């Protein structure tokens, strides 16, 4: 009986020790969770956590902290970065809340079209773009979700800001007067209106796929030389990854072109066609749709560029003002 009491006492003590250890560990885990996942801001009742903030700031933290060895200096720099990122996140939450309130939607086709534009501007294939995303620690699906959010925000900006903006000829003339180098530039440099046909390999890493794409491009060039119209060749061969209405690439001076394109284009007159050229997209053929040589024609093109520039500046200015008004009527608590 005595031995039983001793055993029971020992077991009770061991149980209590284990019980208190579990409580302490539990408390530590809860405290750690609070440190890692504590709320750093509340926007109209919607929280932003420290984890979300650090995830958003991760590229900047990695870039600016990697060479800082001193713990105190690292902590100060981290806090400085987080303090800069948090207001941006708050603004995004405000905009997203407004998007939801207005029940704005974006379609799969709009997302697909936006991605096509991004690929075209950066001369990338879809596979190359996906690889870049993977190397940066993201994925194509994550990117599409973020892009959808951006398109919704653009819809909101369109309805709130853009529709109310008009850039007048007087504003453009004033800008030109304050930038005299514009007239000097257009007086000496012809501008080329380019069309293009793009031949993207199905697998850019596969030599056979690259060779087949080149063969298609060379056949298309032969057809063009035989008199087949550019629009017909465009419909028959142009890759979907870099499709653009009419194959219009844009208007450029020679200085604005990649060296391989510039070398081929500068020898051509209006209506001329380049040989097959290797580019980041695969293989391309360019046609000089028109050459703008006269000062008056070049000035019209330059004025349109200025109009777009002034328009963007005005959009940014009015959006900033609208966002300030939105902040003022919102409930925002910063707890960082």
C-alpha atoms as a PDB file:
ATOM      1  CA  UNK A   1       0.000   0.000   0.000  1.00  0.00           C
ATOM      2  CA  UNK A   2       2.830   2.314   0.922  1.00  0.00           C
ATOM      3  CA  UNK A   3       4.597   1.544  -2.362  1.00  0.00           C
ATOM      4  CA  UNK A   4       1.377   2.321  -4.231  1.00  0.00           C
ATOM      5  CA  UNK A   5       1.162   5.762  -2.530  1.00  0.00           C
ATOM      6  CA  UNK A   6       4.800   6.492  -3.434  1.00  0.00           C
ATOM      7  CA  UNK A   7       4.202   5.480  -7.070  1.00  0.00           C
ATOM      8  CA  UNK A   8       1.031   7.563  -7.215  1.00  0.00           C
ATOM      9  CA  UNK A   9       2.907  10.575  -5.798  1.00  0.00           C
ATOM     10  CA  UNK A  10       5.707  10.192  -8.345  1.00  0.00           C
ATOM     11  CA  UNK A  11       3.197   9.843 -11.190  1.00  0.00           C
ATOM     12  CA  UNK A  12       1.279  12.881  -9.990  1.00  0.00           C
ATOM     13  CA  UNK A  13       4.471  14.958  -9.861  1.00  0.00           C
ATOM     14  CA  UNK A  14       5.511  13.789 -13.323  1.00  0.00           C
ATOM     15  CA  UNK A  15       2.039  14.579 -14.665  1.00  0.00           C
ATOM     16  CA  UNK A  16       2.139  18.075 -13.150  1.00  0.00           C
ATOM     17  CA  UNK A  17       5.615  18.710 -14.590  1.00  0.00           C
ATOM     18  CA  UNK A  18       4.492  17.589 -18.066  1.00  0.00           C
ATOM     19  CA  UNK A  19       1.269  19.585 -17.693  1.00  0.00           C
ATOM     20  CA  UNK A  20       3.146  22.807 -16.843  1.00  0.00           C
ATOM     21  CA  UNK A  21       5.663  22.210 -19.649  1.00  0.00           C
ATOM     22  CA  UNK A  22       2.779  21.896 -22.112  1.00  0.00           C
ATOM     23  CA  UNK A  23       1.226  25.099 -20.782  1.00  0.00           C
ATOM     24  CA  UNK A  24       4.543  26.966 -21.083  1.00  0.00           C
ATOM     25  CA  UNK A  25       5.174  25.631 -24.604  1.00  0.00           C
ATOM     26  CA  UNK A  26       1.628  26.500 -25.550  1.00  0.00           C
ATOM     27  CA  UNK A  27       2.034  30.018 -24.216  1.00  0.00           C
ATOM     28  CA  UNK A  28       5.336  30.425 -26.043  1.00  0.00           C
ATOM     29  CA  UNK A  29       3.784  29.170 -29.267  1.00  0.00           C
ATOM     30  CA  UNK A  30       0.858  31.557 -28.850  1.00  0.00           C
ATOM     31  CA  UNK A  31       3.251  34.421 -28.129  1.00  0.00           C
ATOM     32  CA  UNK A  32       5.298  33.530 -31.198  1.00  0.00           C
ATOM     33  CA  UNK A  33       2.156  33.382 -33.317  1.00  0.00           C
ATOM     34  CA  UNK A  34       1.182  36.819 -32.050  1.00  0.00           C
ATOM     35  CA  UNK A  35       4.623  38.193 -32.943  1.00  0.00           C
ATOM     36  CA  UNK A  36       4.627  36.643 -36.421  1.00  0.00           C
ATOM     37  CA  UNK A  37       0.949  37.110 -37.227  1.00  0.00           C
ATOM     38  CA  UNK A  38      -0.010  40.139 -35.190  1.00  0.00           C
ATOM     39  CA  UNK A  39      -2.185  42.792 -36.769  1.00  0.00           C
ATOM     40  CA  UNK A  40      -0.261  45.812 -38.055  1.00  0.00           C
ATOM     41  CA  UNK A  41      -3.204  47.785 -39.455  1.00  0.00           C
ATOM     42  CA  UNK A  42      -6.994  47.698 -39.604  1.00  0.00           C
ATOM     43  CA  UNK A  43      -8.716  49.248 -42.640  1.00  0.00           C
ATOM     44  CA  UNK A  44     -12.489  49.649 -42.242  1.00  0.00           C
ATOM     45  CA  UNK A  45     -12.488  46.556 -40.041  1.00  0.00           C
ATOM     46  CA  UNK A  46     -10.254  44.524 -42.377  1.00  0.00           C
ATOM     47  CA  UNK A  47      -6.924  43.513 -40.781  1.00  0.00           C
ATOM     48  CA  UNK A  48      -3.458  43.483 -42.337  1.00  0.00           C
ATOM     49  CA  UNK A  49      -1.120  41.086 -40.524  1.00  0.00           C
ATOM     50  CA  UNK A  50       2.619  41.312 -40.005  1.00  0.00           C
ATOM     51  CA  UNK A  51       3.005  38.101 -42.006  1.00  0.00           C
ATOM     52  CA  UNK A  52       1.173  39.648 -44.997  1.00  0.00           C
ATOM     53  CA  UNK A  53       3.272  42.805 -44.714  1.00  0.00           C
ATOM     54  CA  UNK A  54       6.538  40.851 -44.612  1.00  0.00           C
ATOM     55  CA  UNK A  55       5.468  38.714 -47.557  1.00  0.00           C
ATOM     56  CA  UNK A  56       4.749  41.854 -49.550  1.00  0.00           C
ATOM     57  CA  UNK A  57       8.050  43.424 -48.489  1.00  0.00           C
ATOM     58  CA  UNK A  58      10.056  40.217 -49.036  1.00  0.00           C
ATOM     59  CA  UNK A  59      11.785  41.255 -52.321  1.00  0.00           C
ATOM     60  CA  UNK A  60      12.919  44.529 -50.715  1.00  0.00           C
ATOM     61  CA  UNK A  61      13.942  42.878 -47.451  1.00  0.00           C
ATOM     62  CA  UNK A  62      16.013  40.318 -49.365  1.00  0.00           C
ATOM     63  CA  UNK A  63      17.637  43.005 -51.474  1.00  0.00           C
ATOM     64  CA  UNK A  64      18.507  45.554 -48.784  1.00  0.00           C
ATOM     65  CA  UNK A  65      19.203  43.331 -45.755  1.00  0.00           C
ATOM     66  CA  UNK A  66      21.472  40.705 -47.323  1.00  0.00           C
ATOM     67  CA  UNK A  67      24.668  42.772 -46.855  1.00  0.00           C
ATOM     68  CA  UNK A  68      23.842  44.156 -43.405  1.00  0.00           C
ATOM     69  CA  UNK A  69      25.531  42.100 -40.663  1.00  0.00           C
ATOM     70  CA  UNK A  70      24.853  44.222 -37.576  1.00  0.00           C
ATOM     71  CA  UNK A  71      21.572  42.979 -35.948  1.00  0.00           C
ATOM     72  CA  UNK A  72      20.565  46.450 -34.766  1.00  0.00           C
ATOM     73  CA  UNK A  73      21.152  48.003 -38.172  1.00  0.00           C
ATOM     74  CA  UNK A  74      19.255  45.129 -39.848  1.00  0.00           C
ATOM     75  CA  UNK A  75      16.294  45.655 -37.508  1.00  0.00           C
ATOM     76  CA  UNK A  76      16.238  49.396 -38.187  1.00  0.00           C
ATOM     77  CA  UNK A  77      16.420  48.895 -41.961  1.00  0.00           C
ATOM     78  CA  UNK A  78      13.681  46.256 -41.839  1.00  0.00           C
ATOM     79  CA  UNK A  79      11.428  48.616 -39.888  1.00  0.00           C
ATOM     80  CA  UNK A  80      12.126  51.407 -42.369  1.00  0.00           C
ATOM     81  CA  UNK A  81      11.117  49.162 -45.295  1.00  0.00           C
ATOM     82  CA  UNK A  82       7.972  47.918 -43.549  1.00  0.00           C
ATOM     83  CA  UNK A  83       6.980  51.517 -42.735  1.00  0.00           C
ATOM     84  CA  UNK A  84       7.217  52.369 -46.446  1.00  0.00           C
ATOM     85  CA  UNK A  85       5.315  49.309 -47.691  1.00  0.00           C
ATOM     86  CA  UNK A  86       2.422  49.417 -45.200  1.00  0.00           C
ATOM     87  CA  UNK A  87       0.787  52.647 -46.536  1.00  0.00           C
ATOM     88  CA  UNK A  88       0.798  51.104 -50.038  1.00  0.00           C
ATOM     89  CA  UNK A  89      -0.958  48.001 -48.712  1.00  0.00           C
ATOM     90  CA  UNK A  90      -3.521  50.156 -46.901  1.00  0.00           C
ATOM     91  CA  UNK A  91      -4.269  52.039 -50.144  1.00  0.00           C
ATOM     92  CA  UNK A  92      -4.671  48.738 -52.003  1.00  0.00           C
ATOM     93  CA  UNK A  93      -7.109  47.438 -49.374  1.00  0.00           C
ATOM     94  CA  UNK A  94      -9.130  50.658 -49.662  1.00  0.00           C
ATOM     95  CA  UNK A  95      -9.268  50.338 -53.450  1.00  0.00           C
ATOM     96  CA  UNK A  96     -10.146  46.618 -53.270  1.00  0.00           C
ATOM     97  CA  UNK A  97     -12.960  47.385 -50.826  1.00  0.00           C
ATOM     98  CA  UNK A  98     -14.301  49.999 -53.228  1.00  0.00           C
ATOM     99  CA  UNK A  99     -14.081  47.469 -56.095  1.00  0.00           C
ATOM    100  CA  UNK A 100     -16.151  44.979 -54.067  1.00  0.00           C
ATOM    101  CA  UNK A 101     -18.661  47.657 -53.072  1.00  0.00           C
ATOM    102  CA  UNK A 102     -19.253  48.514 -56.732  1.00  0.00           C
ATOM    103  CA  UNK A 103     -19.333  44.809 -57.727  1.00  0.00           C
ATOM    104  CA  UNK A 104     -16.806  45.271 -60.537  1.00  0.00           C
ATOM    105  CA  UNK A 105     -15.810  42.144 -62.492  1.00  0.00           C
ATOM    106  CA  UNK A 106     -12.989  41.106 -64.816  1.00  0.00           C
ATOM    107  CA  UNK A 107     -13.318  38.332 -67.424  1.00  0.00           C
ATOM    108  CA  UNK A 108     -10.843  35.570 -68.334  1.00  0.00           C
ATOM    109  CA  UNK A 109     -10.572  37.092 -71.802  1.00  0.00           C
ATOM    110  CA  UNK A 110      -9.539  40.465 -70.349  1.00  0.00           C
ATOM    111  CA  UNK A 111      -6.817  38.744 -68.304  1.00  0.00           C
ATOM    112  CA  UNK A 112      -5.629  36.807 -71.363  1.00  0.00           C
ATOM    113  CA  UNK A 113      -5.556  39.965 -73.466  1.00  0.00           C
ATOM    114  CA  UNK A 114      -3.572  41.849 -70.798  1.00  0.00           C
ATOM    115  CA  UNK A 115      -0.996  39.038 -70.633  1.00  0.00           C
ATOM    116  CA  UNK A 116      -0.649  39.097 -74.439  1.00  0.00           C
ATOM    117  CA  UNK A 117       0.094  42.823 -74.281  1.00  0.00           C
ATOM    118  CA  UNK A 118       2.731  42.271 -71.571  1.00  0.00           C
ATOM    119  CA  UNK A 119       4.409  39.552 -73.654  1.00  0.00           C
ATOM    120  CA  UNK A 120       4.429  41.779 -76.730  1.00  0.00           C
ATOM    121  CA  UNK A 121       5.899  44.800 -74.935  1.00  0.00           C
ATOM    122  CA  UNK A 122       8.680  42.696 -73.403  1.00  0.00           C
ATOM    123  CA  UNK A 123       9.293  40.496 -76.476  1.00  0.00           C
ATOM    124  CA  UNK A 124       8.718  37.310 -74.476  1.00  0.00           C
ATOM    125  CA  UNK A 125       6.975  34.030 -75.181  1.00  0.00           C
ATOM    126  CA  UNK A 126       4.482  32.668 -72.681  1.00  0.00           C
ATOM    127  CA  UNK A 127       6.916  29.909 -71.667  1.00  0.00           C
ATOM    128  CA  UNK A 128       9.740  32.413 -71.124  1.00  0.00           C
ATOM    129  CA  UNK A 129       7.435  34.562 -69.005  1.00  0.00           C
ATOM    130  CA  UNK A 130       6.392  31.569 -66.866  1.00  0.00           C
ATOM    131  CA  UNK A 131      10.041  30.697 -66.303  1.00  0.00           C
ATOM    132  CA  UNK A 132      10.798  34.252 -65.148  1.00  0.00           C
ATOM    133  CA  UNK A 133       7.922  34.032 -62.666  1.00  0.00           C
ATOM    134  CA  UNK A 134       9.137  30.685 -61.293  1.00  0.00           C
ATOM    135  CA  UNK A 135      12.686  32.029 -60.914  1.00  0.00           C
ATOM    136  CA  UNK A 136      11.327  34.999 -58.955  1.00  0.00           C
ATOM    137  CA  UNK A 137       9.523  32.667 -56.517  1.00  0.00           C
ATOM    138  CA  UNK A 138       6.049  33.133 -58.003  1.00  0.00           C
ATOM    139  CA  UNK A 139       3.854  31.169 -60.411  1.00  0.00           C
ATOM    140  CA  UNK A 140       1.721  31.899 -63.459  1.00  0.00           C
ATOM    141  CA  UNK A 141      -1.510  31.221 -61.524  1.00  0.00           C
ATOM    142  CA  UNK A 142      -0.476  33.604 -58.733  1.00  0.00           C
ATOM    143  CA  UNK A 143       0.420  36.218 -61.320  1.00  0.00           C
ATOM    144  CA  UNK A 144      -2.996  35.903 -63.003  1.00  0.00           C
ATOM    145  CA  UNK A 145      -4.731  36.446 -59.657  1.00  0.00           C
ATOM    146  CA  UNK A 146      -2.683  39.586 -58.980  1.00  0.00           C
ATOM    147  CA  UNK A 147      -3.239  40.777 -62.549  1.00  0.00           C
ATOM    148  CA  UNK A 148      -7.008  40.329 -62.118  1.00  0.00           C
ATOM    149  CA  UNK A 149      -6.840  42.581 -59.054  1.00  0.00           C
ATOM    150  CA  UNK A 150      -4.892  45.190 -61.003  1.00  0.00           C
ATOM    151  CA  UNK A 151      -7.417  45.126 -63.851  1.00  0.00           C
ATOM    152  CA  UNK A 152     -10.261  45.637 -61.362  1.00  0.00           C
ATOM    153  CA  UNK A 153      -8.392  48.587 -59.873  1.00  0.00           C
ATOM    154  CA  UNK A 154      -7.956  50.010 -63.380  1.00  0.00           C
ATOM    155  CA  UNK A 155     -11.710  49.709 -63.932  1.00  0.00           C
ATOM    156  CA  UNK A 156     -12.249  51.693 -60.759  1.00  0.00           C
ATOM    157  CA  UNK A 157      -9.745  54.351 -61.843  1.00  0.00           C
ATOM    158  CA  UNK A 158     -11.451  54.490 -65.240  1.00  0.00           C
ATOM    159  CA  UNK A 159     -14.846  55.157 -63.708  1.00  0.00           C
ATOM    160  CA  UNK A 160     -13.590  57.556 -61.025  1.00  0.00           C
ATOM    161  CA  UNK A 161     -10.831  59.459 -62.741  1.00  0.00           C
ATOM    162  CA  UNK A 162     -10.082  58.789 -66.410  1.00  0.00           C
ATOM    163  CA  UNK A 163     -13.504  59.534 -67.844  1.00  0.00           C
ATOM    164  CA  UNK A 164     -13.275  63.078 -66.475  1.00  0.00           C
ATOM    165  CA  UNK A 165      -9.917  63.987 -68.054  1.00  0.00           C
ATOM    166  CA  UNK A 166      -9.421  65.886 -71.316  1.00  0.00           C
ATOM    167  CA  UNK A 167      -5.988  66.998 -72.553  1.00  0.00           C
ATOM    168  CA  UNK A 168      -6.256  70.108 -74.738  1.00  0.00           C
ATOM    169  CA  UNK A 169      -4.048  71.193 -77.657  1.00  0.00           C
ATOM    170  CA  UNK A 170      -3.077  74.245 -75.584  1.00  0.00           C
ATOM    171  CA  UNK A 171      -1.623  71.975 -72.875  1.00  0.00           C
ATOM    172  CA  UNK A 172       0.370  70.061 -75.497  1.00  0.00           C
ATOM    173  CA  UNK A 173       1.728  73.251 -77.101  1.00  0.00           C
ATOM    174  CA  UNK A 174       2.734  74.558 -73.679  1.00  0.00           C
ATOM    175  CA  UNK A 175       4.609  71.319 -72.979  1.00  0.00           C
ATOM    176  CA  UNK A 176       6.464  71.532 -76.314  1.00  0.00           C
ATOM    177  CA  UNK A 177       7.490  75.155 -75.606  1.00  0.00           C
ATOM    178  CA  UNK A 178       8.924  74.105 -72.243  1.00  0.00           C
ATOM    179  CA  UNK A 179      10.823  71.208 -73.899  1.00  0.00           C
ATOM    180  CA  UNK A 180      12.551  72.712 -76.987  1.00  0.00           C
ATOM    181  CA  UNK A 181      14.588  69.537 -77.530  1.00  0.00           C
ATOM    182  CA  UNK A 182      11.406  67.852 -78.860  1.00  0.00           C
ATOM    183  CA  UNK A 183      11.391  69.953 -82.033  1.00  0.00           C
ATOM    184  CA  UNK A 184      15.115  69.410 -82.528  1.00  0.00           C
ATOM    185  CA  UNK A 185      14.647  65.652 -82.251  1.00  0.00           C
ATOM    186  CA  UNK A 186      11.779  65.311 -84.719  1.00  0.00           C
ATOM    187  CA  UNK A 187      13.455  67.562 -87.314  1.00  0.00           C
ATOM    188  CA  UNK A 188      16.305  65.095 -87.825  1.00  0.00           C
ATOM    189  CA  UNK A 189      14.966  61.607 -87.148  1.00  0.00           C
ATOM    190  CA  UNK A 190      12.458  59.834 -89.398  1.00  0.00           C
ATOM    191  CA  UNK A 191       9.937  57.594 -87.660  1.00  0.00           C
ATOM    192  CA  UNK A 192       9.057  54.121 -88.911  1.00  0.00           C
ATOM    193  CA  UNK A 193       5.585  52.607 -88.612  1.00  0.00           C
ATOM    194  CA  UNK A 194       6.276  48.871 -88.251  1.00  0.00           C
ATOM    195  CA  UNK A 195       4.160  45.779 -88.733  1.00  0.00           C
ATOM    196  CA  UNK A 196       5.417  42.364 -87.739  1.00  0.00           C
ATOM    197  CA  UNK A 197       4.732  38.646 -88.070  1.00  0.00           C
ATOM    198  CA  UNK A 198       5.888  36.498 -85.183  1.00  0.00           C
ATOM    199  CA  UNK A 199       6.890  32.815 -85.307  1.00  0.00           C
ATOM    200  CA  UNK A 200       7.197  31.427 -81.777  1.00  0.00           C
ATOM    201  CA  UNK A 201       8.611  27.914 -81.224  1.00  0.00           C
ATOM    202  CA  UNK A 202       6.264  25.579 -79.360  1.00  0.00           C
ATOM    203  CA  UNK A 203       9.180  24.764 -77.051  1.00  0.00           C
ATOM    204  CA  UNK A 204      11.935  27.443 -77.083  1.00  0.00           C
ATOM    205  CA  UNK A 205      14.378  24.959 -75.453  1.00  0.00           C
ATOM    206  CA  UNK A 206      13.902  22.311 -78.142  1.00  0.00           C
ATOM    207  CA  UNK A 207      16.211  22.805 -81.181  1.00  0.00           C
ATOM    208  CA  UNK A 208      13.746  20.976 -83.437  1.00  0.00           C
ATOM    209  CA  UNK A 209      10.916  23.262 -82.378  1.00  0.00           C
ATOM    210  CA  UNK A 210      13.102  26.347 -82.955  1.00  0.00           C
ATOM    211  CA  UNK A 211      14.124  25.036 -86.400  1.00  0.00           C
ATOM    212  CA  UNK A 212      10.501  24.379 -87.420  1.00  0.00           C
ATOM    213  CA  UNK A 213       9.525  27.920 -86.377  1.00  0.00           C
ATOM    214  CA  UNK A 214      12.366  29.298 -88.508  1.00  0.00           C
ATOM    215  CA  UNK A 215      11.259  27.191 -91.491  1.00  0.00           C
ATOM    216  CA  UNK A 216       7.741  28.646 -91.188  1.00  0.00           C
ATOM    217  CA  UNK A 217       9.207  32.152 -91.099  1.00  0.00           C
ATOM    218  CA  UNK A 218      11.335  31.501 -94.188  1.00  0.00           C
ATOM    219  CA  UNK A 219       8.316  30.075 -96.067  1.00  0.00           C
ATOM    220  CA  UNK A 220       6.260  33.128 -95.078  1.00  0.00           C
ATOM    221  CA  UNK A 221       9.014  35.401 -96.392  1.00  0.00           C
ATOM    222  CA  UNK A 222       9.031  33.526 -99.721  1.00  0.00           C
ATOM    223  CA  UNK A 223       5.239  33.934 -99.960  1.00  0.00           C
ATOM    224  CA  UNK A 224       5.580  37.672 -99.319  1.00  0.00           C
ATOM    225  CA  UNK A 225       8.191  37.983-102.055  1.00  0.00           C
ATOM    226  CA  UNK A 226       5.813  36.157-104.440  1.00  0.00           C
ATOM    227  CA  UNK A 227       3.209  38.861-103.824  1.00  0.00           C
ATOM    228  CA  UNK A 228       0.976  37.327-101.140  1.00  0.00           C
ATOM    229  CA  UNK A 229      -0.405  40.189 -99.047  1.00  0.00           C
ATOM    230  CA  UNK A 230       0.992  40.900 -95.588  1.00  0.00           C
ATOM    231  CA  UNK A 231      -2.484  40.580 -94.017  1.00  0.00           C
ATOM    232  CA  UNK A 232      -2.934  37.081 -95.505  1.00  0.00           C
ATOM    233  CA  UNK A 233       0.475  35.935 -94.230  1.00  0.00           C
ATOM    234  CA  UNK A 234      -0.346  37.451 -90.851  1.00  0.00           C
ATOM    235  CA  UNK A 235      -3.560  35.427 -90.563  1.00  0.00           C
ATOM    236  CA  UNK A 236      -1.865  32.233 -91.709  1.00  0.00           C
ATOM    237  CA  UNK A 237       1.356  32.267 -89.679  1.00  0.00           C
ATOM    238  CA  UNK A 238       1.301  34.812 -86.821  1.00  0.00           C
ATOM    239  CA  UNK A 239       1.755  33.088 -83.415  1.00  0.00           C
ATOM    240  CA  UNK A 240      -1.029  33.516 -80.872  1.00  0.00           C
ATOM    241  CA  UNK A 241       1.458  34.348 -78.099  1.00  0.00           C
ATOM    242  CA  UNK A 242       2.318  37.623 -79.833  1.00  0.00           C
ATOM    243  CA  UNK A 243      -0.853  38.392 -81.736  1.00  0.00           C
ATOM    244  CA  UNK A 244      -1.739  42.031 -82.305  1.00  0.00           C
ATOM    245  CA  UNK A 245      -4.539  43.502 -84.440  1.00  0.00           C
ATOM    246  CA  UNK A 246      -3.195  44.097 -87.932  1.00  0.00           C
ATOM    247  CA  UNK A 247       0.288  43.105 -86.796  1.00  0.00           C
ATOM    248  CA  UNK A 248       0.986  46.746 -85.932  1.00  0.00           C
ATOM    249  CA  UNK A 249       3.995  46.977 -83.622  1.00  0.00           C
ATOM    250  CA  UNK A 250       4.128  50.770 -83.294  1.00  0.00           C
ATOM    251  CA  UNK A 251       5.998  53.889 -84.455  1.00  0.00           C
ATOM    252  CA  UNK A 252       9.723  54.117 -83.703  1.00  0.00           C
ATOM    253  CA  UNK A 253      12.849  56.050 -84.569  1.00  0.00           C
ATOM    254  CA  UNK A 254      15.872  53.941 -85.483  1.00  0.00           C
ATOM    255  CA  UNK A 255      17.412  54.721 -82.087  1.00  0.00           C
ATOM    256  CA  UNK A 256      14.406  53.158 -80.358  1.00  0.00           C
ATOM    257  CA  UNK A 257      14.793  49.806 -82.151  1.00  0.00           C
ATOM    258  CA  UNK A 258      16.794  46.758 -81.103  1.00  0.00           C
ATOM    259  CA  UNK A 259      20.097  46.649 -83.005  1.00  0.00           C
ATOM    260  CA  UNK A 260      19.166  43.599 -85.142  1.00  0.00           C
ATOM    261  CA  UNK A 261      15.884  45.228 -86.233  1.00  0.00           C
ATOM    262  CA  UNK A 262      17.483  48.640 -86.759  1.00  0.00           C
ATOM    263  CA  UNK A 263      20.154  47.145 -89.033  1.00  0.00           C
ATOM    264  CA  UNK A 264      17.502  45.590 -91.292  1.00  0.00           C
ATOM    265  CA  UNK A 265      14.947  48.426 -91.226  1.00  0.00           C
ATOM    266  CA  UNK A 266      17.242  51.375 -91.983  1.00  0.00           C
ATOM    267  CA  UNK A 267      17.907  49.991 -95.471  1.00  0.00           C
ATOM    268  CA  UNK A 268      14.203  49.857 -96.367  1.00  0.00           C
ATOM    269  CA  UNK A 269      11.729  52.238 -97.945  1.00  0.00           C
ATOM    270  CA  UNK A 270       8.004  52.357 -97.086  1.00  0.00           C
ATOM    271  CA  UNK A 271       6.475  48.975 -97.926  1.00  0.00           C
ATOM    272  CA  UNK A 272       9.818  47.175 -97.546  1.00  0.00           C
ATOM    273  CA  UNK A 273      10.132  43.864 -95.701  1.00  0.00           C
ATOM    274  CA  UNK A 274      13.046  42.651 -93.577  1.00  0.00           C
ATOM    275  CA  UNK A 275      14.666  39.210 -93.739  1.00  0.00           C
ATOM    276  CA  UNK A 276      13.747  36.705 -90.994  1.00  0.00           C
ATOM    277  CA  UNK A 277      15.207  38.078 -87.741  1.00  0.00           C
ATOM    278  CA  UNK A 278      15.945  36.150 -84.524  1.00  0.00           C
ATOM    279  CA  UNK A 279      14.351  37.864 -81.493  1.00  0.00           C
ATOM    280  CA  UNK A 280      13.454  36.861 -77.905  1.00  0.00           C
ATOM    281  CA  UNK A 281      10.004  35.862 -79.216  1.00  0.00           C
ATOM    282  CA  UNK A 282      11.478  33.408 -81.712  1.00  0.00           C
ATOM    283  CA  UNK A 283      11.634  34.566 -85.358  1.00  0.00           C
ATOM    284  CA  UNK A 284      10.063  37.714 -86.796  1.00  0.00           C
ATOM    285  CA  UNK A 285       9.519  39.477 -90.097  1.00  0.00           C
ATOM    286  CA  UNK A 286       8.998  43.246 -90.078  1.00  0.00           C
ATOM    287  CA  UNK A 287       7.332  45.433 -92.662  1.00  0.00           C
ATOM    288  CA  UNK A 288       7.822  49.198 -92.882  1.00  0.00           C
ATOM    289  CA  UNK A 289       4.216  50.296 -93.253  1.00  0.00           C
ATOM    290  CA  UNK A 290       5.189  53.970 -93.524  1.00  0.00           C
ATOM    291  CA  UNK A 291       8.089  56.342 -92.908  1.00  0.00           C
ATOM    292  CA  UNK A 292       7.247  59.712 -91.420  1.00  0.00           C
ATOM    293  CA  UNK A 293       9.851  62.099 -92.796  1.00  0.00           C
ATOM    294  CA  UNK A 294       8.264  65.546 -92.800  1.00  0.00           C
ATOM    295  CA  UNK A 295       8.418  67.728 -89.750  1.00  0.00           C
ATOM    296  CA  UNK A 296       4.654  68.253 -89.731  1.00  0.00           C
ATOM    297  CA  UNK A 297       3.895  64.527 -89.799  1.00  0.00           C
ATOM    298  CA  UNK A 298       6.513  63.797 -87.151  1.00  0.00           C
ATOM    299  CA  UNK A 299       5.120  66.585 -84.987  1.00  0.00           C
ATOM    300  CA  UNK A 300       1.639  65.032 -85.123  1.00  0.00           C
ATOM    301  CA  UNK A 301       3.052  61.714 -83.899  1.00  0.00           C
ATOM    302  CA  UNK A 302       5.037  63.455 -81.164  1.00  0.00           C
ATOM    303  CA  UNK A 303       1.986  65.435 -80.057  1.00  0.00           C
ATOM    304  CA  UNK A 304       0.037  62.215 -79.619  1.00  0.00           C
ATOM    305  CA  UNK A 305       2.835  60.828 -77.444  1.00  0.00           C
ATOM    306  CA  UNK A 306       2.780  64.016 -75.368  1.00  0.00           C
ATOM    307  CA  UNK A 307      -1.008  63.781 -75.058  1.00  0.00           C
ATOM    308  CA  UNK A 308      -0.642  60.272 -73.602  1.00  0.00           C
ATOM    309  CA  UNK A 309       2.121  61.444 -71.257  1.00  0.00           C
ATOM    310  CA  UNK A 310       0.088  64.392 -69.941  1.00  0.00           C
ATOM    311  CA  UNK A 311      -2.976  62.176 -69.664  1.00  0.00           C
ATOM    312  CA  UNK A 312      -1.098  59.671 -67.506  1.00  0.00           C
ATOM    313  CA  UNK A 313       0.267  62.447 -65.272  1.00  0.00           C
ATOM    314  CA  UNK A 314      -3.232  63.855 -64.810  1.00  0.00           C
ATOM    315  CA  UNK A 315      -4.630  60.377 -64.052  1.00  0.00           C
ATOM    316  CA  UNK A 316      -1.960  59.852 -61.386  1.00  0.00           C
ATOM    317  CA  UNK A 317      -2.618  63.284 -59.898  1.00  0.00           C
ATOM    318  CA  UNK A 318      -6.400  62.864 -59.725  1.00  0.00           C
ATOM    319  CA  UNK A 319      -6.182  59.297 -58.483  1.00  0.00           C
ATOM    320  CA  UNK A 320      -3.887  60.439 -55.672  1.00  0.00           C
ATOM    321  CA  UNK A 321      -6.412  63.146 -54.747  1.00  0.00           C
ATOM    322  CA  UNK A 322      -9.307  60.649 -54.892  1.00  0.00           C
ATOM    323  CA  UNK A 323      -7.361  58.214 -52.726  1.00  0.00           C
ATOM    324  CA  UNK A 324      -6.700  60.936 -50.136  1.00  0.00           C
ATOM    325  CA  UNK A 325     -10.447  61.635 -49.969  1.00  0.00           C
ATOM    326  CA  UNK A 326     -11.120  57.911 -49.603  1.00  0.00           C
ATOM    327  CA  UNK A 327      -8.617  57.687 -46.723  1.00  0.00           C
ATOM    328  CA  UNK A 328     -10.222  60.650 -44.949  1.00  0.00           C
ATOM    329  CA  UNK A 329     -13.668  59.020 -44.864  1.00  0.00           C
ATOM    330  CA  UNK A 330     -12.322  55.586 -43.913  1.00  0.00           C
ATOM    331  CA  UNK A 331     -11.460  54.073 -40.536  1.00  0.00           C
ATOM    332  CA  UNK A 332      -7.735  53.283 -40.539  1.00  0.00           C
ATOM    333  CA  UNK A 333      -5.686  52.173 -37.528  1.00  0.00           C
ATOM    334  CA  UNK A 334      -1.942  51.607 -37.862  1.00  0.00           C
ATOM    335  CA  UNK A 335      -0.482  49.296 -35.201  1.00  0.00           C
ATOM    336  CA  UNK A 336       3.001  48.644 -36.591  1.00  0.00           C
END
